[in-house]
Amino acid sequence: MKKVIFEREKCIGCGSCTFACPDYWEMGEDGMSNLKGGKKNEETGNIELDVEEVGCNKEAEEGCPALCIHIKEE
C-alpha cells in the first residue's frame, strides 16, 4: 500500500498538481489544492490518501513547487 500525503498548509495554490493529476487533485474554493478522497490525519494535520498505485500522483509530487506532496511506501 502507498500513501499520498498532502501538507495543505504549505500549498501556494499554483495548481500544478491539478494539471499533472486531475483524477486525484482539484482546486478548492479557497484557491488551494484538494486531494480528492483524502482524510485529515489529526496527529500531523496532513491530508492523506491510501492508494494501490501511485499513478500520476508521482508527477504531482515532482511538479509541486511548494514541496507539500509526498508519496510514502508502506
PDB file of N, CA and C in Angstrom:
ATOM      1  N   MET A   1       0.848  -1.194   0.000  1.00  0.00           N
ATOM      2  CA  MET A   1       0.000   0.000   0.000  1.00  0.00           C
ATOM      3  C   MET A   1       0.885   1.246   0.000  1.00  0.00           C
ATOM      4  N   LYS A   2       0.424   2.236  -0.702  1.00  0.00           N
ATOM      5  CA  LYS A   2       1.132   3.513  -0.771  1.00  0.00           C
ATOM      6  C   LYS A   2       0.222   4.598  -0.223  1.00  0.00           C
ATOM      7  N   LYS A   3       0.845   5.663   0.216  1.00  0.00           N
ATOM      8  CA  LYS A   3       0.079   6.760   0.803  1.00  0.00           C
ATOM      9  C   LYS A   3       0.506   8.071   0.142  1.00  0.00           C
ATOM     10  N   VAL A   4      -0.488   8.877  -0.250  1.00  0.00           N
ATOM     11  CA  VAL A   4      -0.239  10.231  -0.727  1.00  0.00           C
ATOM     12  C   VAL A   4      -0.468  11.144   0.474  1.00  0.00           C
ATOM     13  N   ILE A   5       0.533  11.947   0.783  1.00  0.00           N
ATOM     14  CA  ILE A   5       0.461  12.859   1.929  1.00  0.00           C
ATOM     15  C   ILE A   5       0.536  14.286   1.398  1.00  0.00           C
ATOM     16  N   PHE A   6      -0.395  15.117   1.837  1.00  0.00           N
ATOM     17  CA  PHE A   6      -0.503  16.498   1.371  1.00  0.00           C
ATOM     18  C   PHE A   6      -0.440  17.435   2.564  1.00  0.00           C
ATOM     19  N   GLU A   7       0.595  18.249   2.612  1.00  0.00           N
ATOM     20  CA  GLU A   7       0.734  19.268   3.660  1.00  0.00           C
ATOM     21  C   GLU A   7       0.024  20.533   3.168  1.00  0.00           C
ATOM     22  N   ARG A   8      -1.280  20.568   3.341  1.00  0.00           N
ATOM     23  CA  ARG A   8      -2.090  21.629   2.721  1.00  0.00           C
ATOM     24  C   ARG A   8      -1.715  23.024   3.196  1.00  0.00           C
ATOM     25  N   GLU A   9      -1.257  23.163   4.441  1.00  0.00           N
ATOM     26  CA  GLU A   9      -0.911  24.493   4.945  1.00  0.00           C
ATOM     27  C   GLU A   9       0.284  25.093   4.208  1.00  0.00           C
ATOM     28  N   LYS A  10       1.053  24.260   3.501  1.00  0.00           N
ATOM     29  CA  LYS A  10       2.195  24.751   2.718  1.00  0.00           C
ATOM     30  C   LYS A  10       1.823  25.049   1.269  1.00  0.00           C
ATOM     31  N   CYS A  11       0.613  24.671   0.864  1.00  0.00           N
ATOM     32  CA  CYS A  11       0.161  24.841  -0.516  1.00  0.00           C
ATOM     33  C   CYS A  11       0.131  26.325  -0.885  1.00  0.00           C
ATOM     34  N   ILE A  12       0.641  26.635  -2.094  1.00  0.00           N
ATOM     35  CA  ILE A  12       0.626  28.024  -2.571  1.00  0.00           C
ATOM     36  C   ILE A  12      -0.448  28.253  -3.637  1.00  0.00           C
ATOM     37  N   GLY A  13      -1.204  27.190  -3.966  1.00  0.00           N
ATOM     38  CA  GLY A  13      -2.324  27.330  -4.892  1.00  0.00           C
ATOM     39  C   GLY A  13      -1.938  27.520  -6.345  1.00  0.00           C
ATOM     40  N   CYS A  14      -0.779  26.987  -6.749  1.00  0.00           N
ATOM     41  CA  CYS A  14      -0.337  27.169  -8.137  1.00  0.00           C
ATOM     42  C   CYS A  14      -1.101  26.277  -9.112  1.00  0.00           C
ATOM     43  N   GLY A  15      -1.656  25.170  -8.622  1.00  0.00           N
ATOM     44  CA  GLY A  15      -2.455  24.291  -9.468  1.00  0.00           C
ATOM     45  C   GLY A  15      -1.671  23.268 -10.263  1.00  0.00           C
ATOM     46  N   SER A  16      -0.358  23.183 -10.070  1.00  0.00           N
ATOM     47  CA  SER A  16       0.424  22.227 -10.868  1.00  0.00           C
ATOM     48  C   SER A  16      -0.030  20.789 -10.638  1.00  0.00           C
ATOM     49  N   CYS A  17      -0.454  20.458  -9.437  1.00  0.00           N
ATOM     50  CA  CYS A  17      -0.919  19.096  -9.145  1.00  0.00           C
ATOM     51  C   CYS A  17      -2.205  18.784  -9.904  1.00  0.00           C
ATOM     52  N   THR A  18      -3.072  19.767 -10.038  1.00  0.00           N
ATOM     53  CA  THR A  18      -4.344  19.534 -10.737  1.00  0.00           C
ATOM     54  C   THR A  18      -4.129  19.321 -12.228  1.00  0.00           C
ATOM     55  N   PHE A  19      -3.104  19.948 -12.788  1.00  0.00           N
ATOM     56  CA  PHE A  19      -2.785  19.735 -14.197  1.00  0.00           C
ATOM     57  C   PHE A  19      -2.104  18.391 -14.397  1.00  0.00           C
ATOM     58  N   ALA A  20      -1.217  18.016 -13.476  1.00  0.00           N
ATOM     59  CA  ALA A  20      -0.474  16.766 -13.598  1.00  0.00           C
ATOM     60  C   ALA A  20      -1.336  15.549 -13.295  1.00  0.00           C
ATOM     61  N   CYS A  21      -2.320  15.716 -12.388  1.00  0.00           N
ATOM     62  CA  CYS A  21      -3.056  14.554 -11.901  1.00  0.00           C
ATOM     63  C   CYS A  21      -4.503  14.919 -11.531  1.00  0.00           C
ATOM     64  N   PRO A  22      -5.317  15.286 -12.524  1.00  0.00           N
ATOM     65  CA  PRO A  22      -6.687  15.726 -12.218  1.00  0.00           C
ATOM     66  C   PRO A  22      -7.593  14.642 -11.637  1.00  0.00           C
ATOM     67  N   ASP A  23      -7.211  13.369 -11.767  1.00  0.00           N
ATOM     68  CA  ASP A  23      -8.024  12.307 -11.172  1.00  0.00           C
ATOM     69  C   ASP A  23      -7.987  12.369  -9.641  1.00  0.00           C
ATOM     70  N   TYR A  24      -6.916  12.909  -9.086  1.00  0.00           N
ATOM     71  CA  TYR A  24      -6.744  12.943  -7.634  1.00  0.00           C
ATOM     72  C   TYR A  24      -6.746  14.345  -7.041  1.00  0.00           C
ATOM     73  N   TRP A  25      -6.520  15.374  -7.875  1.00  0.00           N
ATOM     74  CA  TRP A  25      -6.348  16.731  -7.358  1.00  0.00           C
ATOM     75  C   TRP A  25      -7.341  17.690  -7.994  1.00  0.00           C
ATOM     76  N   GLU A  26      -7.817  18.642  -7.190  1.00  0.00           N
ATOM     77  CA  GLU A  26      -8.709  19.690  -7.677  1.00  0.00           C
ATOM     78  C   GLU A  26      -8.433  20.959  -6.887  1.00  0.00           C
ATOM     79  N   MET A  27      -8.834  22.074  -7.459  1.00  0.00           N
ATOM     80  CA  MET A  27      -8.672  23.344  -6.761  1.00  0.00           C
ATOM     81  C   MET A  27      -9.894  23.576  -5.872  1.00  0.00           C
ATOM     82  N   GLY A  28      -9.627  23.995  -4.636  1.00  0.00           N
ATOM     83  CA  GLY A  28     -10.696  24.285  -3.696  1.00  0.00           C
ATOM     84  C   GLY A  28     -11.228  25.692  -3.885  1.00  0.00           C
ATOM     85  N   GLU A  29     -12.341  25.983  -3.250  1.00  0.00           N
ATOM     86  CA  GLU A  29     -12.945  27.309  -3.346  1.00  0.00           C
ATOM     87  C   GLU A  29     -12.050  28.385  -2.742  1.00  0.00           C
ATOM     88  N   ASP A  30     -11.127  27.967  -1.855  1.00  0.00           N
ATOM     89  CA  ASP A  30     -10.209  28.927  -1.225  1.00  0.00           C
ATOM     90  C   ASP A  30      -8.961  29.177  -2.064  1.00  0.00           C
ATOM     91  N   GLY A  31      -8.892  28.581  -3.261  1.00  0.00           N
ATOM     92  CA  GLY A  31      -7.756  28.788  -4.137  1.00  0.00           C
ATOM     93  C   GLY A  31      -6.586  27.850  -3.885  1.00  0.00           C
ATOM     94  N   MET A  32      -6.747  26.940  -2.949  1.00  0.00           N
ATOM     95  CA  MET A  32      -5.709  25.962  -2.660  1.00  0.00           C
ATOM     96  C   MET A  32      -6.146  24.597  -3.198  1.00  0.00           C
ATOM     97  N   SER A  33      -5.177  23.709  -3.346  1.00  0.00           N
ATOM     98  CA  SER A  33      -5.475  22.379  -3.880  1.00  0.00           C
ATOM     99  C   SER A  33      -6.139  21.493  -2.844  1.00  0.00           C
ATOM    100  N   ASN A  34      -6.903  20.527  -3.342  1.00  0.00           N
ATOM    101  CA  ASN A  34      -7.519  19.494  -2.510  1.00  0.00           C
ATOM    102  C   ASN A  34      -7.153  18.128  -3.069  1.00  0.00           C
ATOM    103  N   LEU A  35      -6.831  17.209  -2.172  1.00  0.00           N
ATOM    104  CA  LEU A  35      -6.592  15.813  -2.544  1.00  0.00           C
ATOM    105  C   LEU A  35      -7.934  15.103  -2.468  1.00  0.00           C
ATOM    106  N   LYS A  36      -8.477  14.712  -3.605  1.00  0.00           N
ATOM    107  CA  LYS A  36      -9.799  14.088  -3.655  1.00  0.00           C
ATOM    108  C   LYS A  36      -9.814  12.805  -2.843  1.00  0.00           C
ATOM    109  N   GLY A  37     -10.754  12.694  -1.927  1.00  0.00           N
ATOM    110  CA  GLY A  37     -10.894  11.497  -1.108  1.00  0.00           C
ATOM    111  C   GLY A  37      -9.946  11.433   0.074  1.00  0.00           C
ATOM    112  N   GLY A  38      -9.088  12.435   0.220  1.00  0.00           N
ATOM    113  CA  GLY A  38      -8.123  12.446   1.316  1.00  0.00           C
ATOM    114  C   GLY A  38      -8.788  12.716   2.660  1.00  0.00           C
ATOM    115  N   LYS A  39      -8.203  12.178   3.694  1.00  0.00           N
ATOM    116  CA  LYS A  39      -8.700  12.359   5.062  1.00  0.00           C
ATOM    117  C   LYS A  39      -7.628  13.033   5.906  1.00  0.00           C
ATOM    118  N   LYS A  40      -8.052  13.898   6.808  1.00  0.00           N
ATOM    119  CA  LYS A  40      -7.100  14.606   7.668  1.00  0.00           C
ATOM    120  C   LYS A  40      -6.562  13.681   8.752  1.00  0.00           C
ATOM    121  N   ASN A  41      -5.242  13.636   8.867  1.00  0.00           N
ATOM    122  CA  ASN A  41      -4.583  12.918   9.953  1.00  0.00           C
ATOM    123  C   ASN A  41      -4.527  13.884  11.128  1.00  0.00           C
ATOM    124  N   GLU A  42      -5.258  13.591  12.193  1.00  0.00           N
ATOM    125  CA  GLU A  42      -5.350  14.510  13.325  1.00  0.00           C
ATOM    126  C   GLU A  42      -4.016  14.700  14.044  1.00  0.00           C
ATOM    127  N   GLU A  43      -3.132  13.706  13.971  1.00  0.00           N
ATOM    128  CA  GLU A  43      -1.827  13.823  14.622  1.00  0.00           C
ATOM    129  C   GLU A  43      -0.910  14.792  13.896  1.00  0.00           C
ATOM    130  N   THR A  44      -0.896  14.718  12.561  1.00  0.00           N
ATOM    131  CA  THR A  44       0.025  15.535  11.775  1.00  0.00           C
ATOM    132  C   THR A  44      -0.628  16.775  11.174  1.00  0.00           C
ATOM    133  N   GLY A  45      -1.948  16.738  11.009  1.00  0.00           N
ATOM    134  CA  GLY A  45      -2.646  17.826  10.338  1.00  0.00           C
ATOM    135  C   GLY A  45      -2.615  17.709   8.823  1.00  0.00           C
ATOM    136  N   ASN A  46      -1.918  16.697   8.296  1.00  0.00           N
ATOM    137  CA  ASN A  46      -1.816  16.494   6.855  1.00  0.00           C
ATOM    138  C   ASN A  46      -3.041  15.762   6.323  1.00  0.00           C
ATOM    139  N   ILE A  47      -3.274  15.923   5.031  1.00  0.00           N
ATOM    140  CA  ILE A  47      -4.324  15.193   4.342  1.00  0.00           C
ATOM    141  C   ILE A  47      -3.673  13.951   3.739  1.00  0.00           C
ATOM    142  N   GLU A  48      -4.276  12.780   3.937  1.00  0.00           N
ATOM    143  CA  GLU A  48      -3.678  11.530   3.491  1.00  0.00           C
ATOM    144  C   GLU A  48      -4.689  10.687   2.716  1.00  0.00           C
ATOM    145  N   LEU A  49      -4.170   9.929   1.754  1.00  0.00           N
ATOM    146  CA  LEU A  49      -4.995   9.034   0.959  1.00  0.00           C
ATOM    147  C   LEU A  49      -4.198   7.779   0.656  1.00  0.00           C
ATOM    148  N   ASP A  50      -4.754   6.615   1.015  1.00  0.00           N
ATOM    149  CA  ASP A  50      -4.130   5.336   0.684  1.00  0.00           C
ATOM    150  C   ASP A  50      -4.480   4.982  -0.756  1.00  0.00           C
ATOM    151  N   VAL A  51      -3.465   4.551  -1.527  1.00  0.00           N
ATOM    152  CA  VAL A  51      -3.670   4.170  -2.922  1.00  0.00           C
ATOM    153  C   VAL A  51      -2.938   2.866  -3.213  1.00  0.00           C
ATOM    154  N   GLU A  52      -3.493   2.084  -4.128  1.00  0.00           N
ATOM    155  CA  GLU A  52      -2.825   0.863  -4.578  1.00  0.00           C
ATOM    156  C   GLU A  52      -1.663   1.219  -5.493  1.00  0.00           C
ATOM    157  N   GLU A  53      -1.922   2.123  -6.422  1.00  0.00           N
ATOM    158  CA  GLU A  53      -0.920   2.559  -7.395  1.00  0.00           C
ATOM    159  C   GLU A  53      -0.749   4.071  -7.283  1.00  0.00           C
ATOM    160  N   VAL A  54       0.478   4.514  -7.340  1.00  0.00           N
ATOM    161  CA  VAL A  54       0.781   5.946  -7.238  1.00  0.00           C
ATOM    162  C   VAL A  54       0.255   6.707  -8.446  1.00  0.00           C
ATOM    163  N   GLY A  55       0.419   6.120  -9.636  1.00  0.00           N
ATOM    164  CA  GLY A  55      -0.072   6.737 -10.860  1.00  0.00           C
ATOM    165  C   GLY A  55       0.476   8.145 -11.050  1.00  0.00           C
ATOM    166  N   CYS A  56      -0.391   9.056 -11.445  1.00  0.00           N
ATOM    167  CA  CYS A  56       0.024  10.421 -11.752  1.00  0.00           C
ATOM    168  C   CYS A  56       0.367  11.236 -10.504  1.00  0.00           C
ATOM    169  N   ASN A  57       0.124  10.694  -9.316  1.00  0.00           N
ATOM    170  CA  ASN A  57       0.500  11.425  -8.103  1.00  0.00           C
ATOM    171  C   ASN A  57       2.007  11.653  -8.032  1.00  0.00           C
ATOM    172  N   LYS A  58       2.790  10.785  -8.681  1.00  0.00           N
ATOM    173  CA  LYS A  58       4.244  10.980  -8.720  1.00  0.00           C
ATOM    174  C   LYS A  58       4.582  12.265  -9.467  1.00  0.00           C
ATOM    175  N   GLU A  59       3.888  12.512 -10.578  1.00  0.00           N
ATOM    176  CA  GLU A  59       4.096  13.747 -11.334  1.00  0.00           C
ATOM    177  C   GLU A  59       3.641  14.962 -10.522  1.00  0.00           C
ATOM    178  N   ALA A  60       2.547  14.805  -9.781  1.00  0.00           N
ATOM    179  CA  ALA A  60       2.074  15.897  -8.925  1.00  0.00           C
ATOM    180  C   ALA A  60       3.118  16.220  -7.858  1.00  0.00           C
ATOM    181  N   GLU A  61       3.693  15.182  -7.267  1.00  0.00           N
ATOM    182  CA  GLU A  61       4.727  15.376  -6.247  1.00  0.00           C
ATOM    183  C   GLU A  61       5.946  16.085  -6.843  1.00  0.00           C
ATOM    184  N   GLU A  62       6.408  15.592  -7.984  1.00  0.00           N
ATOM    185  CA  GLU A  62       7.612  16.145  -8.605  1.00  0.00           C
ATOM    186  C   GLU A  62       7.406  17.574  -9.114  1.00  0.00           C
ATOM    187  N   GLY A  63       6.180  17.907  -9.511  1.00  0.00           N
ATOM    188  CA  GLY A  63       5.905  19.230 -10.066  1.00  0.00           C
ATOM    189  C   GLY A  63       5.509  20.280  -9.053  1.00  0.00           C
ATOM    190  N   CYS A  64       5.359  19.896  -7.794  1.00  0.00           N
ATOM    191  CA  CYS A  64       4.892  20.836  -6.769  1.00  0.00           C
ATOM    192  C   CYS A  64       6.027  21.764  -6.317  1.00  0.00           C
ATOM    193  N   PRO A  65       5.929  23.063  -6.620  1.00  0.00           N
ATOM    194  CA  PRO A  65       6.997  23.978  -6.211  1.00  0.00           C
ATOM    195  C   PRO A  65       7.061  24.209  -4.703  1.00  0.00           C
ATOM    196  N   ALA A  66       5.965  23.959  -4.005  1.00  0.00           N
ATOM    197  CA  ALA A  66       5.945  24.151  -2.548  1.00  0.00           C
ATOM    198  C   ALA A  66       6.420  22.907  -1.794  1.00  0.00           C
ATOM    199  N   LEU A  67       6.663  21.816  -2.529  1.00  0.00           N
ATOM    200  CA  LEU A  67       7.138  20.559  -1.927  1.00  0.00           C
ATOM    201  C   LEU A  67       6.222  20.076  -0.804  1.00  0.00           C
ATOM    202  N   CYS A  68       4.921  20.163  -1.045  1.00  0.00           N
ATOM    203  CA  CYS A  68       3.964  19.780   0.003  1.00  0.00           C
ATOM    204  C   CYS A  68       3.218  18.487  -0.307  1.00  0.00           C
ATOM    205  N   ILE A  69       3.604  17.781  -1.389  1.00  0.00           N
ATOM    206  CA  ILE A  69       3.020  16.496  -1.748  1.00  0.00           C
ATOM    207  C   ILE A  69       4.100  15.437  -1.599  1.00  0.00           C
ATOM    208  N   HIS A  70       3.768  14.365  -0.893  1.00  0.00           N
ATOM    209  CA  HIS A  70       4.740  13.299  -0.646  1.00  0.00           C
ATOM    210  C   HIS A  70       4.096  11.943  -0.904  1.00  0.00           C
ATOM    211  N   ILE A  71       4.865  11.029  -1.490  1.00  0.00           N
ATOM    212  CA  ILE A  71       4.422   9.665  -1.703  1.00  0.00           C
ATOM    213  C   ILE A  71       5.219   8.792  -0.726  1.00  0.00           C
ATOM    214  N   LYS A  72       4.496   7.997   0.064  1.00  0.00           N
ATOM    215  CA  LYS A  72       5.147   7.149   1.061  1.00  0.00           C
ATOM    216  C   LYS A  72       4.773   5.697   0.799  1.00  0.00           C
ATOM    217  N   GLU A  73       5.780   4.852   0.771  1.00  0.00           N
ATOM    218  CA  GLU A  73       5.562   3.405   0.619  1.00  0.00           C
ATOM    219  C   GLU A  73       5.375   2.811   2.009  1.00  0.00           C
ATOM    220  N   GLU A  74       4.339   2.000   2.167  1.00  0.00           N
ATOM    221  CA  GLU A  74       4.102   1.400   3.487  1.00  0.00           C
ATOM    222  C   GLU A  74       4.257  -0.099   3.431  1.00  0.00           C
TER     223      GLU A  74
END
